[in-house]
């Protein structure tokens, strides 16, 4: 992760961290979280944290996409399926 054998010090850690954040894409950052955090965090906190940062419109689009791609029924579709 650290390039050019650079030594991380208290003086440069903030700048190096900021540069890494700008250089990496969201998939790389997500992979970093999977590699460096606990299963508890991944399963119990990550989604809640992500949703907290999304606006209502962003989450609605995400929810719609998730439901369509993973065949998750919304409340009305589930009601229809259960009562048909």
PDB file of N, CA and C in Angstrom:
ATOM      1  N   UNK A   1       0.828  -1.188   0.000  1.00  0.00           N
ATOM      2  CA  UNK A   1       0.000   0.000   0.000  1.00  0.00           C
ATOM      3  C   UNK A   1       0.871   1.248   0.000  1.00  0.00           C
ATOM      4  N   UNK A   2       1.962   1.210   0.755  1.00  0.00           N
ATOM      5  CA  UNK A   2       2.856   2.357   0.813  1.00  0.00           C
ATOM      6  C   UNK A   2       3.846   2.252  -0.333  1.00  0.00           C
ATOM      7  N   UNK A   3       3.954   3.312  -1.087  1.00  0.00           N
ATOM      8  CA  UNK A   3       4.790   3.292  -2.285  1.00  0.00           C
ATOM      9  C   UNK A   3       6.160   3.909  -2.034  1.00  0.00           C
ATOM     10  N   UNK A   4       7.114   3.538  -2.862  1.00  0.00           N
ATOM     11  CA  UNK A   4       8.450   4.131  -2.868  1.00  0.00           C
ATOM     12  C   UNK A   4       9.172   4.007  -1.538  1.00  0.00           C
ATOM     13  N   UNK A   5       8.849   2.992  -0.768  1.00  0.00           N
ATOM     14  CA  UNK A   5       9.508   2.786   0.526  1.00  0.00           C
ATOM     15  C   UNK A   5       9.487   4.034   1.404  1.00  0.00           C
ATOM     16  N   UNK A   6       8.436   4.799   1.291  1.00  0.00           N
ATOM     17  CA  UNK A   6       8.300   6.012   2.079  1.00  0.00           C
ATOM     18  C   UNK A   6       8.039   5.654   3.533  1.00  0.00           C
ATOM     19  N   UNK A   7       8.708   6.314   4.415  1.00  0.00           N
ATOM     20  CA  UNK A   7       8.495   6.114   5.835  1.00  0.00           C
ATOM     21  C   UNK A   7       7.337   6.993   6.286  1.00  0.00           C
ATOM     22  N   UNK A   8       6.392   6.385   6.950  1.00  0.00           N
ATOM     23  CA  UNK A   8       5.257   7.132   7.472  1.00  0.00           C
ATOM     24  C   UNK A   8       5.645   7.703   8.829  1.00  0.00           C
ATOM     25  N   UNK A   9       5.464   8.991   8.951  1.00  0.00           N
ATOM     26  CA  UNK A   9       5.770   9.670  10.209  1.00  0.00           C
ATOM     27  C   UNK A   9       4.553  10.471  10.650  1.00  0.00           C
ATOM     28  N   UNK A  10       4.603  10.946  11.853  1.00  0.00           N
ATOM     29  CA  UNK A  10       3.499  11.789  12.338  1.00  0.00           C
ATOM     30  C   UNK A  10       3.352  13.044  11.492  1.00  0.00           C
ATOM     31  N   UNK A  11       4.434  13.517  10.920  1.00  0.00           N
ATOM     32  CA  UNK A  11       4.410  14.732  10.114  1.00  0.00           C
ATOM     33  C   UNK A  11       3.769  14.518   8.744  1.00  0.00           C
ATOM     34  N   UNK A  12       3.890  13.314   8.177  1.00  0.00           N
ATOM     35  CA  UNK A  12       3.386  13.117   6.816  1.00  0.00           C
ATOM     36  C   UNK A  12       2.185  12.175   6.722  1.00  0.00           C
ATOM     37  N   UNK A  13       1.753  11.591   7.815  1.00  0.00           N
ATOM     38  CA  UNK A  13       0.682  10.603   7.752  1.00  0.00           C
ATOM     39  C   UNK A  13      -0.619  11.202   7.215  1.00  0.00           C
ATOM     40  N   UNK A  14      -0.956  12.409   7.604  1.00  0.00           N
ATOM     41  CA  UNK A  14      -2.196  13.028   7.123  1.00  0.00           C
ATOM     42  C   UNK A  14      -2.148  13.234   5.611  1.00  0.00           C
ATOM     43  N   UNK A  15      -1.052  13.790   5.103  1.00  0.00           N
ATOM     44  CA  UNK A  15      -0.936  14.031   3.665  1.00  0.00           C
ATOM     45  C   UNK A  15      -0.915  12.723   2.876  1.00  0.00           C
ATOM     46  N   UNK A  16      -0.215  11.728   3.403  1.00  0.00           N
ATOM     47  CA  UNK A  16      -0.169  10.437   2.718  1.00  0.00           C
ATOM     48  C   UNK A  16      -1.543   9.780   2.706  1.00  0.00           C
ATOM     49  N   UNK A  17      -2.269   9.892   3.801  1.00  0.00           N
ATOM     50  CA  UNK A  17      -3.610   9.315   3.876  1.00  0.00           C
ATOM     51  C   UNK A  17      -4.546  10.005   2.898  1.00  0.00           C
ATOM     52  N   UNK A  18      -4.467  11.310   2.837  1.00  0.00           N
ATOM     53  CA  UNK A  18      -5.316  12.077   1.923  1.00  0.00           C
ATOM     54  C   UNK A  18      -5.009  11.718   0.465  1.00  0.00           C
ATOM     55  N   UNK A  19      -3.742  11.566   0.150  1.00  0.00           N
ATOM     56  CA  UNK A  19      -3.341  11.200  -1.214  1.00  0.00           C
ATOM     57  C   UNK A  19      -3.851   9.803  -1.560  1.00  0.00           C
ATOM     58  N   UNK A  20      -3.753   8.869  -0.619  1.00  0.00           N
ATOM     59  CA  UNK A  20      -4.263   7.506  -0.857  1.00  0.00           C
ATOM     60  C   UNK A  20      -5.761   7.532  -1.115  1.00  0.00           C
ATOM     61  N   UNK A  21      -6.488   8.338  -0.340  1.00  0.00           N
ATOM     62  CA  UNK A  21      -7.939   8.442  -0.507  1.00  0.00           C
ATOM     63  C   UNK A  21      -8.293   8.958  -1.904  1.00  0.00           C
ATOM     64  N   UNK A  22      -7.516   9.878  -2.420  1.00  0.00           N
ATOM     65  CA  UNK A  22      -7.769  10.436  -3.749  1.00  0.00           C
ATOM     66  C   UNK A  22      -7.329   9.487  -4.860  1.00  0.00           C
ATOM     67  N   UNK A  23      -6.293   8.707  -4.611  1.00  0.00           N
ATOM     68  CA  UNK A  23      -5.721   7.829  -5.634  1.00  0.00           C
ATOM     69  C   UNK A  23      -6.517   6.540  -5.820  1.00  0.00           C
ATOM     70  N   UNK A  24      -7.150   6.066  -4.781  1.00  0.00           N
ATOM     71  CA  UNK A  24      -7.857   4.785  -4.859  1.00  0.00           C
ATOM     72  C   UNK A  24      -9.320   4.993  -5.237  1.00  0.00           C
ATOM     73  N   UNK A  25      -9.890   3.982  -5.884  1.00  0.00           N
ATOM     74  CA  UNK A  25     -11.307   4.051  -6.245  1.00  0.00           C
ATOM     75  C   UNK A  25     -12.150   3.369  -5.166  1.00  0.00           C
ATOM     76  N   UNK A  26     -13.452   3.429  -5.313  1.00  0.00           N
ATOM     77  CA  UNK A  26     -14.334   2.907  -4.259  1.00  0.00           C
ATOM     78  C   UNK A  26     -14.199   1.402  -4.073  1.00  0.00           C
ATOM     79  N   UNK A  27     -13.931   0.656  -5.153  1.00  0.00           N
ATOM     80  CA  UNK A  27     -13.741  -0.784  -5.005  1.00  0.00           C
ATOM     81  C   UNK A  27     -12.493  -1.095  -4.184  1.00  0.00           C
ATOM     82  N   UNK A  28     -11.423  -0.341  -4.414  1.00  0.00           N
ATOM     83  CA  UNK A  28     -10.187  -0.539  -3.646  1.00  0.00           C
ATOM     84  C   UNK A  28     -10.395  -0.184  -2.174  1.00  0.00           C
ATOM     85  N   UNK A  29     -11.131   0.876  -1.930  1.00  0.00           N
ATOM     86  CA  UNK A  29     -11.399   1.254  -0.543  1.00  0.00           C
ATOM     87  C   UNK A  29     -12.269   0.205   0.147  1.00  0.00           C
ATOM     88  N   UNK A  30     -13.263  -0.303  -0.567  1.00  0.00           N
ATOM     89  CA  UNK A  30     -14.118  -1.342   0.002  1.00  0.00           C
ATOM     90  C   UNK A  30     -13.310  -2.603   0.284  1.00  0.00           C
ATOM     91  N   UNK A  31     -12.448  -2.964  -0.635  1.00  0.00           N
ATOM     92  CA  UNK A  31     -11.574  -4.126  -0.413  1.00  0.00           C
ATOM     93  C   UNK A  31     -10.698  -3.917   0.820  1.00  0.00           C
ATOM     94  N   UNK A  32     -10.193  -2.700   1.007  1.00  0.00           N
ATOM     95  CA  UNK A  32      -9.398  -2.379   2.190  1.00  0.00           C
ATOM     96  C   UNK A  32     -10.216  -2.614   3.460  1.00  0.00           C
ATOM     97  N   UNK A  33     -11.477  -2.176   3.439  1.00  0.00           N
ATOM     98  CA  UNK A  33     -12.338  -2.391   4.609  1.00  0.00           C
ATOM     99  C   UNK A  33     -12.546  -3.880   4.868  1.00  0.00           C
ATOM    100  N   UNK A  34     -12.790  -4.646   3.798  1.00  0.00           N
ATOM    101  CA  UNK A  34     -12.972  -6.096   3.970  1.00  0.00           C
ATOM    102  C   UNK A  34     -11.723  -6.749   4.553  1.00  0.00           C
ATOM    103  N   UNK A  35     -10.561  -6.278   4.137  1.00  0.00           N
ATOM    104  CA  UNK A  35      -9.307  -6.884   4.574  1.00  0.00           C
ATOM    105  C   UNK A  35      -8.889  -6.467   5.986  1.00  0.00           C
ATOM    106  N   UNK A  36      -9.323  -5.309   6.432  1.00  0.00           N
ATOM    107  CA  UNK A  36      -8.755  -4.769   7.668  1.00  0.00           C
ATOM    108  C   UNK A  36      -9.750  -4.577   8.810  1.00  0.00           C
ATOM    109  N   UNK A  37     -11.020  -4.875   8.573  1.00  0.00           N
ATOM    110  CA  UNK A  37     -11.996  -4.732   9.650  1.00  0.00           C
ATOM    111  C   UNK A  37     -12.579  -6.089  10.018  1.00  0.00           C
ATOM    112  N   UNK A  38     -13.262  -6.131  11.125  1.00  0.00           N
ATOM    113  CA  UNK A  38     -13.808  -7.394  11.631  1.00  0.00           C
ATOM    114  C   UNK A  38     -15.072  -7.800  10.877  1.00  0.00           C
ATOM    115  N   UNK A  39     -15.396  -9.077  10.974  1.00  0.00           N
ATOM    116  CA  UNK A  39     -16.654  -9.569  10.392  1.00  0.00           C
ATOM    117  C   UNK A  39     -17.847  -8.876  11.025  1.00  0.00           C
ATOM    118  N   UNK A  40     -17.753  -8.581  12.311  1.00  0.00           N
ATOM    119  CA  UNK A  40     -18.827  -7.864  12.989  1.00  0.00           C
ATOM    120  C   UNK A  40     -19.068  -6.514  12.321  1.00  0.00           C
ATOM    121  N   UNK A  41     -17.998  -5.780  12.043  1.00  0.00           N
ATOM    122  CA  UNK A  41     -18.145  -4.493  11.387  1.00  0.00           C
ATOM    123  C   UNK A  41     -18.781  -4.658  10.009  1.00  0.00           C
ATOM    124  N   UNK A  42     -18.269  -5.581   9.221  1.00  0.00           N
ATOM    125  CA  UNK A  42     -18.774  -5.785   7.851  1.00  0.00           C
ATOM    126  C   UNK A  42     -20.252  -6.162   7.870  1.00  0.00           C
ATOM    127  N   UNK A  43     -20.642  -7.056   8.763  1.00  0.00           N
ATOM    128  CA  UNK A  43     -22.013  -7.564   8.761  1.00  0.00           C
ATOM    129  C   UNK A  43     -23.001  -6.711   9.540  1.00  0.00           C
ATOM    130  N   UNK A  44     -22.538  -5.945  10.500  1.00  0.00           N
ATOM    131  CA  UNK A  44     -23.467  -5.228  11.373  1.00  0.00           C
ATOM    132  C   UNK A  44     -23.397  -3.706  11.297  1.00  0.00           C
ATOM    133  N   UNK A  45     -22.357  -3.165  10.668  1.00  0.00           N
ATOM    134  CA  UNK A  45     -22.204  -1.717  10.717  1.00  0.00           C
ATOM    135  C   UNK A  45     -21.978  -1.048   9.365  1.00  0.00           C
ATOM    136  N   UNK A  46     -21.343  -1.738   8.435  1.00  0.00           N
ATOM    137  CA  UNK A  46     -20.961  -1.110   7.167  1.00  0.00           C
ATOM    138  C   UNK A  46     -22.157  -0.559   6.406  1.00  0.00           C
ATOM    139  N   UNK A  47     -23.189  -1.347   6.225  1.00  0.00           N
ATOM    140  CA  UNK A  47     -24.358  -0.887   5.468  1.00  0.00           C
ATOM    141  C   UNK A  47     -25.033   0.283   6.169  1.00  0.00           C
ATOM    142  N   UNK A  48     -25.139   0.212   7.481  1.00  0.00           N
ATOM    143  CA  UNK A  48     -25.760   1.315   8.225  1.00  0.00           C
ATOM    144  C   UNK A  48     -24.962   2.598   8.033  1.00  0.00           C
ATOM    145  N   UNK A  49     -23.649   2.504   8.092  1.00  0.00           N
ATOM    146  CA  UNK A  49     -22.809   3.677   7.871  1.00  0.00           C
ATOM    147  C   UNK A  49     -22.978   4.224   6.454  1.00  0.00           C
ATOM    148  N   UNK A  50     -23.005   3.346   5.463  1.00  0.00           N
ATOM    149  CA  UNK A  50     -23.188   3.794   4.074  1.00  0.00           C
ATOM    150  C   UNK A  50     -24.526   4.505   3.890  1.00  0.00           C
ATOM    151  N   UNK A  51     -25.581   3.911   4.411  1.00  0.00           N
ATOM    152  CA  UNK A  51     -26.918   4.492   4.272  1.00  0.00           C
ATOM    153  C   UNK A  51     -26.999   5.851   4.955  1.00  0.00           C
ATOM    154  N   UNK A  52     -26.322   5.989   6.076  1.00  0.00           N
ATOM    155  CA  UNK A  52     -26.325   7.251   6.802  1.00  0.00           C
ATOM    156  C   UNK A  52     -25.755   8.385   5.943  1.00  0.00           C
ATOM    157  N   UNK A  53     -24.796   8.071   5.094  1.00  0.00           N
ATOM    158  CA  UNK A  53     -24.160   9.081   4.250  1.00  0.00           C
ATOM    159  C   UNK A  53     -24.929   9.353   2.967  1.00  0.00           C
ATOM    160  N   UNK A  54     -25.885   8.501   2.613  1.00  0.00           N
ATOM    161  CA  UNK A  54     -26.667   8.692   1.388  1.00  0.00           C
ATOM    162  C   UNK A  54     -27.839   9.615   1.655  1.00  0.00           C
ATOM    163  N   UNK A  55     -28.215  10.363   0.632  1.00  0.00           N
ATOM    164  CA  UNK A  55     -29.449  11.127   0.705  1.00  0.00           C
ATOM    165  C   UNK A  55     -30.624  10.206   0.392  1.00  0.00           C
ATOM    166  N   UNK A  56     -31.840  10.693   0.599  1.00  0.00           N
ATOM    167  CA  UNK A  56     -33.035   9.872   0.344  1.00  0.00           C
ATOM    168  C   UNK A  56     -33.099   9.400  -1.100  1.00  0.00           C
ATOM    169  N   UNK A  57     -32.837  10.290  -2.057  1.00  0.00           N
ATOM    170  CA  UNK A  57     -32.898   9.910  -3.474  1.00  0.00           C
ATOM    171  C   UNK A  57     -31.839   8.869  -3.824  1.00  0.00           C
ATOM    172  N   UNK A  58     -30.630   9.051  -3.302  1.00  0.00           N
ATOM    173  CA  UNK A  58     -29.566   8.078  -3.557  1.00  0.00           C
ATOM    174  C   UNK A  58     -29.943   6.713  -3.008  1.00  0.00           C
ATOM    175  N   UNK A  59     -30.461   6.693  -1.782  1.00  0.00           N
ATOM    176  CA  UNK A  59     -30.813   5.404  -1.198  1.00  0.00           C
ATOM    177  C   UNK A  59     -31.980   4.763  -1.932  1.00  0.00           C
ATOM    178  N   UNK A  60     -32.962   5.558  -2.352  1.00  0.00           N
ATOM    179  CA  UNK A  60     -34.092   5.007  -3.109  1.00  0.00           C
ATOM    180  C   UNK A  60     -33.608   4.376  -4.406  1.00  0.00           C
ATOM    181  N   UNK A  61     -32.691   5.022  -5.107  1.00  0.00           N
ATOM    182  CA  UNK A  61     -32.133   4.450  -6.336  1.00  0.00           C
ATOM    183  C   UNK A  61     -31.352   3.177  -6.033  1.00  0.00           C
ATOM    184  N   UNK A  62     -30.549   3.197  -4.979  1.00  0.00           N
ATOM    185  CA  UNK A  62     -29.789   2.024  -4.564  1.00  0.00           C
ATOM    186  C   UNK A  62     -30.730   0.872  -4.202  1.00  0.00           C
ATOM    187  N   UNK A  63     -31.763   1.175  -3.422  1.00  0.00           N
ATOM    188  CA  UNK A  63     -32.735   0.168  -2.989  1.00  0.00           C
ATOM    189  C   UNK A  63     -33.445  -0.440  -4.193  1.00  0.00           C
ATOM    190  N   UNK A  64     -33.869   0.397  -5.127  1.00  0.00           N
ATOM    191  CA  UNK A  64     -34.534  -0.086  -6.337  1.00  0.00           C
ATOM    192  C   UNK A  64     -33.607  -1.004  -7.129  1.00  0.00           C
ATOM    193  N   UNK A  65     -32.371  -0.580  -7.300  1.00  0.00           N
ATOM    194  CA  UNK A  65     -31.386  -1.387  -8.015  1.00  0.00           C
ATOM    195  C   UNK A  65     -31.166  -2.730  -7.306  1.00  0.00           C
ATOM    196  N   UNK A  66     -30.981  -2.692  -6.003  1.00  0.00           N
ATOM    197  CA  UNK A  66     -30.746  -3.894  -5.221  1.00  0.00           C
ATOM    198  C   UNK A  66     -31.910  -4.869  -5.348  1.00  0.00           C
ATOM    199  N   UNK A  67     -33.111  -4.350  -5.215  1.00  0.00           N
ATOM    200  CA  UNK A  67     -34.301  -5.213  -5.303  1.00  0.00           C
ATOM    201  C   UNK A  67     -34.429  -5.854  -6.682  1.00  0.00           C
ATOM    202  N   UNK A  68     -34.214  -5.075  -7.742  1.00  0.00           N
ATOM    203  CA  UNK A  68     -34.333  -5.618  -9.096  1.00  0.00           C
ATOM    204  C   UNK A  68     -33.239  -6.641  -9.395  1.00  0.00           C
ATOM    205  N   UNK A  69     -32.007  -6.340  -9.005  1.00  0.00           N
ATOM    206  CA  UNK A  69     -30.881  -7.219  -9.342  1.00  0.00           C
ATOM    207  C   UNK A  69     -30.847  -8.501  -8.528  1.00  0.00           C
ATOM    208  N   UNK A  70     -31.365  -8.454  -7.298  1.00  0.00           N
ATOM    209  CA  UNK A  70     -31.296  -9.603  -6.409  1.00  0.00           C
ATOM    210  C   UNK A  70     -32.671 -10.216  -6.147  1.00  0.00           C
ATOM    211  N   UNK A  71     -33.659  -9.815  -6.949  1.00  0.00           N
ATOM    212  CA  UNK A  71     -35.024 -10.355  -6.852  1.00  0.00           C
ATOM    213  C   UNK A  71     -35.578 -10.254  -5.428  1.00  0.00           C
ATOM    214  N   UNK A  72     -35.365  -9.088  -4.815  1.00  0.00           N
ATOM    215  CA  UNK A  72     -35.924  -8.808  -3.498  1.00  0.00           C
ATOM    216  C   UNK A  72     -37.252  -8.101  -3.716  1.00  0.00           C
ATOM    217  N   UNK A  73     -38.279  -8.604  -3.107  1.00  0.00           N
ATOM    218  CA  UNK A  73     -39.600  -8.011  -3.289  1.00  0.00           C
ATOM    219  C   UNK A  73     -39.796  -6.816  -2.358  1.00  0.00           C
ATOM    220  N   UNK A  74     -40.446  -5.773  -2.883  1.00  0.00           N
ATOM    221  CA  UNK A  74     -40.820  -4.659  -2.019  1.00  0.00           C
ATOM    222  C   UNK A  74     -42.067  -5.087  -1.240  1.00  0.00           C
ATOM    223  N   UNK A  75     -42.532  -4.312  -0.281  1.00  0.00           N
ATOM    224  CA  UNK A  75     -43.660  -4.761   0.553  1.00  0.00           C
ATOM    225  C   UNK A  75     -44.911  -5.135  -0.250  1.00  0.00           C
ATOM    226  N   UNK A  76     -45.211  -4.407  -1.318  1.00  0.00           N
ATOM    227  CA  UNK A  76     -46.415  -4.690  -2.101  1.00  0.00           C
ATOM    228  C   UNK A  76     -46.252  -5.959  -2.933  1.00  0.00           C
ATOM    229  N   UNK A  77     -45.054  -6.143  -3.513  1.00  0.00           N
ATOM    230  CA  UNK A  77     -44.790  -7.366  -4.274  1.00  0.00           C
ATOM    231  C   UNK A  77     -44.820  -8.585  -3.355  1.00  0.00           C
ATOM    232  N   UNK A  78     -44.275  -8.457  -2.155  1.00  0.00           N
ATOM    233  CA  UNK A  78     -44.281  -9.565  -1.203  1.00  0.00           C
ATOM    234  C   UNK A  78     -45.715  -9.886  -0.775  1.00  0.00           C
ATOM    235  N   UNK A  79     -46.519  -8.869  -0.508  1.00  0.00           N
ATOM    236  CA  UNK A  79     -47.917  -9.072  -0.141  1.00  0.00           C
ATOM    237  C   UNK A  79     -48.663  -9.787  -1.249  1.00  0.00           C
ATOM    238  N   UNK A  80     -48.456  -9.353  -2.495  1.00  0.00           N
ATOM    239  CA  UNK A  80     -49.116 -10.008  -3.627  1.00  0.00           C
ATOM    240  C   UNK A  80     -48.685 -11.461  -3.737  1.00  0.00           C
ATOM    241  N   UNK A  81     -47.381 -11.726  -3.602  1.00  0.00           N
ATOM    242  CA  UNK A  81     -46.879 -13.102  -3.707  1.00  0.00           C
ATOM    243  C   UNK A  81     -47.417 -13.986  -2.602  1.00  0.00           C
ATOM    244  N   UNK A  82     -47.565 -13.440  -1.406  1.00  0.00           N
ATOM    245  CA  UNK A  82     -48.024 -14.241  -0.286  1.00  0.00           C
ATOM    246  C   UNK A  82     -49.530 -14.477  -0.305  1.00  0.00           C
ATOM    247  N   UNK A  83     -50.268 -13.601  -0.973  1.00  0.00           N
ATOM    248  CA  UNK A  83     -51.727 -13.691  -0.964  1.00  0.00           C
ATOM    249  C   UNK A  83     -52.301 -14.099  -2.305  1.00  0.00           C
ATOM    250  N   UNK A  84     -51.496 -14.552  -3.217  1.00  0.00           N
ATOM    251  CA  UNK A  84     -52.009 -15.002  -4.520  1.00  0.00           C
ATOM    252  C   UNK A  84     -52.204 -16.489  -4.547  1.00  0.00           C
TER     253      UNK A  84
END
